[in-house]
């Protein structure tokens, strides 16, 4: 089989165009689980912050949003994740202004508004605590985002801990749910994926 120079050049041109189109169409290489377009999870929320103002995704338009579920009495996972997110924002520099971390408490009985506010701001002044006003709101948001939580009795009366899903959800600046992020993953992974969402 013979190939003309013109034919080879034309084929190379088509191959280059195809490669460029494929590159443009490829998804970002997230480290966390990419759940873009997955309709099994919630796409919005409506919860009061620690100041009593009802918050929804519309309040954070133009920002990447990390929606984290936890509680202030958590002995390990929650403070570790909050610290990692705070360090990640420091590493992002000016881009940190385009990221909003929200912590939804799964223990609103103990996590009063003042306590939750003090807790999240201790990690970073920009962090916002969201506190379901009643059990119905807590059930709704955890059901929407498929978050498990359960009270585990302690050794003495009235003492308890909370079992809960150790993960966060990340929305892009357009308000679309994009990532399911496992807690305790390390600072650099947060920085990597948030940069991709902000680009």
Protein backbone atom coordinates (compact mmCIF):
# COMPACT_ATOMS: atom_id res chain seq x y z
CA UNK A 1 0.00 0.00 0.00
CA UNK A 2 1.39 3.40 -0.99
CA UNK A 3 0.90 6.64 0.97
CA UNK A 4 1.33 10.07 -0.59
CA UNK A 5 3.05 12.83 1.36
CA UNK A 6 -0.14 14.87 1.04
CA UNK A 7 -2.20 11.99 2.41
CA UNK A 8 0.12 11.50 5.39
CA UNK A 9 0.06 15.21 6.20
CA UNK A 10 -3.75 15.25 5.97
CA UNK A 11 -4.00 12.19 8.23
CA UNK A 12 -1.64 13.81 10.75
CA UNK A 13 -3.77 16.96 10.69
CA UNK A 14 -6.95 14.99 11.39
CA UNK A 15 -5.20 13.05 14.18
CA UNK A 16 -4.00 16.30 15.78
CA UNK A 17 -7.49 17.85 15.65
CA UNK A 18 -9.01 14.67 17.12
CA UNK A 19 -6.45 14.64 19.93
CA UNK A 20 -7.09 18.31 20.72
CA UNK A 21 -10.85 17.77 20.77
CA UNK A 22 -10.45 14.77 23.05
CA UNK A 23 -8.24 16.79 25.40
CA UNK A 24 -10.79 19.58 25.52
CA UNK A 25 -13.56 17.09 26.26
CA UNK A 26 -11.72 15.19 28.98
CA UNK A 27 -12.75 15.52 32.62
CA UNK A 28 -10.44 17.06 35.24
CA UNK A 29 -8.27 14.51 37.03
CA UNK A 30 -9.77 14.83 40.52
CA UNK A 31 -8.24 12.81 43.34
CA UNK A 32 -11.56 12.56 45.15
CA UNK A 33 -14.58 10.72 43.79
CA UNK A 34 -16.11 12.65 40.88
CA UNK A 35 -19.90 12.53 41.27
CA UNK A 36 -20.66 15.19 38.66
CA UNK A 37 -24.19 14.69 37.34
CA UNK A 38 -25.09 12.10 39.99
CA UNK A 39 -28.71 12.66 40.98
CA UNK A 40 -28.61 10.40 44.04
CA UNK A 41 -27.37 13.25 46.21
CA UNK A 42 -28.87 16.59 47.14
CA UNK A 43 -28.15 19.62 45.00
CA UNK A 44 -29.06 22.32 47.52
CA UNK A 45 -29.95 22.90 51.17
CA UNK A 46 -31.78 25.40 53.34
CA UNK A 47 -30.42 25.65 56.87
CA UNK A 48 -29.91 28.40 59.43
CA UNK A 49 -26.36 29.48 60.23
CA UNK A 50 -25.23 30.23 63.77
CA UNK A 51 -26.56 33.77 63.42
CA UNK A 52 -30.04 32.54 62.50
CA UNK A 53 -29.82 33.45 58.81
CA UNK A 54 -31.14 30.79 56.45
CA UNK A 55 -28.44 29.73 53.99
CA UNK A 56 -28.72 28.06 50.59
CA UNK A 57 -26.27 27.45 47.75
CA UNK A 58 -27.36 30.74 46.19
CA UNK A 59 -25.56 32.58 49.02
CA UNK A 60 -22.23 31.24 47.81
CA UNK A 61 -22.49 31.78 44.07
CA UNK A 62 -19.04 32.05 42.49
CA UNK A 63 -17.39 30.02 45.25
CA UNK A 64 -16.43 26.38 45.56
CA UNK A 65 -18.36 25.05 48.57
CA UNK A 66 -17.25 22.24 50.89
CA UNK A 67 -20.25 20.84 52.77
CA UNK A 68 -19.00 18.89 55.79
CA UNK A 69 -21.13 16.93 58.29
CA UNK A 70 -19.90 16.53 61.88
CA UNK A 71 -20.27 17.71 65.46
CA UNK A 72 -18.25 19.75 67.93
CA UNK A 73 -17.71 16.96 70.48
CA UNK A 74 -16.15 14.68 67.84
CA UNK A 75 -12.84 13.35 69.20
CA UNK A 76 -10.99 12.73 65.94
CA UNK A 77 -12.43 12.88 62.41
CA UNK A 78 -14.11 16.29 62.62
CA UNK A 79 -11.25 18.35 64.08
CA UNK A 80 -8.80 16.63 61.73
CA UNK A 81 -10.89 17.47 58.66
CA UNK A 82 -11.50 21.06 59.77
CA UNK A 83 -7.78 21.55 60.40
CA UNK A 84 -6.92 20.09 56.98
CA UNK A 85 -9.40 22.39 55.27
CA UNK A 86 -8.00 25.41 57.11
CA UNK A 87 -4.46 24.50 56.05
CA UNK A 88 -5.64 23.90 52.47
CA UNK A 89 -7.11 27.40 52.33
CA UNK A 90 -3.80 28.83 53.55
CA UNK A 91 -2.00 27.01 50.73
CA UNK A 92 -4.49 28.31 48.17
CA UNK A 93 -3.48 31.90 48.92
CA UNK A 94 -5.76 34.46 47.25
CA UNK A 95 -7.88 31.64 45.78
CA UNK A 96 -9.06 30.83 49.31
CA UNK A 97 -11.45 33.79 49.03
CA UNK A 98 -13.32 31.73 46.43
CA UNK A 99 -13.85 28.75 48.74
CA UNK A 100 -16.52 28.42 51.44
CA UNK A 101 -16.42 25.69 54.07
CA UNK A 102 -19.74 24.86 55.72
CA UNK A 103 -20.07 22.49 58.68
CA UNK A 104 -23.52 20.98 59.26
CA UNK A 105 -23.88 19.66 62.77
CA UNK A 106 -25.48 16.23 63.20
CA UNK A 107 -25.78 16.95 66.94
CA UNK A 108 -27.83 20.17 67.18
CA UNK A 109 -28.97 19.31 70.71
CA UNK A 110 -25.50 19.87 72.16
CA UNK A 111 -24.17 22.08 69.37
CA UNK A 112 -25.87 25.32 70.29
CA UNK A 113 -25.46 28.23 67.89
CA UNK A 114 -22.80 29.97 70.04
CA UNK A 115 -20.82 26.74 70.54
CA UNK A 116 -20.92 25.82 66.85
CA UNK A 117 -19.90 29.35 65.84
CA UNK A 118 -16.95 29.32 68.24
CA UNK A 119 -15.92 25.85 67.06
CA UNK A 120 -15.81 26.53 63.31
CA UNK A 121 -14.23 29.97 63.65
CA UNK A 122 -11.44 28.49 65.81
CA UNK A 123 -10.26 26.63 62.70
CA UNK A 124 -10.81 29.51 60.27
CA UNK A 125 -12.76 32.79 60.63
CA UNK A 126 -14.35 32.25 57.21
CA UNK A 127 -15.88 28.86 58.11
CA UNK A 128 -19.64 28.84 58.66
CA UNK A 129 -21.60 26.49 60.91
CA UNK A 130 -25.07 25.35 59.86
CA UNK A 131 -27.43 24.11 62.56
CA UNK A 132 -30.72 22.37 61.71
CA UNK A 133 -33.49 24.14 63.63
CA UNK A 134 -35.30 20.90 64.40
CA UNK A 135 -35.15 17.16 63.85
CA UNK A 136 -37.13 17.43 60.61
CA UNK A 137 -34.45 19.66 59.05
CA UNK A 138 -31.69 17.33 60.22
CA UNK A 139 -33.47 14.30 58.80
CA UNK A 140 -34.10 16.06 55.48
CA UNK A 141 -30.54 17.23 54.79
CA UNK A 142 -28.95 13.95 55.88
CA UNK A 143 -31.42 12.03 53.74
CA UNK A 144 -30.82 14.34 50.76
CA UNK A 145 -27.05 13.84 50.97
CA UNK A 146 -27.22 10.20 52.11
CA UNK A 147 -25.40 10.96 55.33
CA UNK A 148 -25.58 8.39 58.11
CA UNK A 149 -25.66 9.51 61.74
CA UNK A 150 -26.58 7.82 65.00
CA UNK A 151 -26.22 8.54 68.68
CA UNK A 152 -24.00 6.07 70.54
CA UNK A 153 -24.50 5.89 74.33
CA UNK A 154 -21.45 6.50 76.50
CA UNK A 155 -20.40 4.84 79.75
CA UNK A 156 -22.33 7.23 81.96
CA UNK A 157 -25.91 8.52 81.80
CA UNK A 158 -26.36 11.40 79.36
CA UNK A 159 -22.96 10.85 77.78
CA UNK A 160 -22.83 9.95 74.10
CA UNK A 161 -20.91 10.23 70.86
CA UNK A 162 -22.20 10.44 67.29
CA UNK A 163 -21.42 7.96 64.56
CA UNK A 164 -21.62 9.72 61.20
CA UNK A 165 -20.52 9.52 57.59
CA UNK A 166 -16.90 10.66 57.44
CA UNK A 167 -17.03 12.55 54.15
CA UNK A 168 -17.71 15.95 52.62
CA UNK A 169 -19.44 17.13 49.46
CA UNK A 170 -17.85 19.71 47.19
CA UNK A 171 -19.70 22.06 44.84
CA UNK A 172 -18.07 24.04 42.05
CA UNK A 173 -18.40 27.85 41.72
CA UNK A 174 -21.47 27.35 39.50
CA UNK A 175 -23.26 25.57 42.35
CA UNK A 176 -23.01 22.06 40.86
CA UNK A 177 -22.23 19.10 43.09
CA UNK A 178 -18.94 17.67 41.86
CA UNK A 179 -17.04 15.67 44.49
CA UNK A 180 -17.46 13.19 47.31
CA UNK A 181 -14.40 13.76 49.50
CA UNK A 182 -13.29 11.29 52.13
CA UNK A 183 -12.23 12.80 55.44
CA UNK A 184 -8.67 12.48 56.68
CA UNK A 185 -7.22 12.53 53.17
CA UNK A 186 -4.53 15.13 53.79
CA UNK A 187 -4.09 18.79 52.90
CA UNK A 188 -2.47 18.40 49.47
CA UNK A 189 -5.41 16.44 48.04
CA UNK A 190 -7.80 19.19 49.11
CA UNK A 191 -5.57 21.81 47.49
CA UNK A 192 -5.26 19.80 44.26
CA UNK A 193 -9.00 19.27 43.77
CA UNK A 194 -10.07 22.74 44.86
CA UNK A 195 -7.61 24.28 42.39
CA UNK A 196 -9.13 22.21 39.60
CA UNK A 197 -12.62 23.38 40.53
CA UNK A 198 -11.54 27.02 40.68
CA UNK A 199 -9.68 27.01 37.34
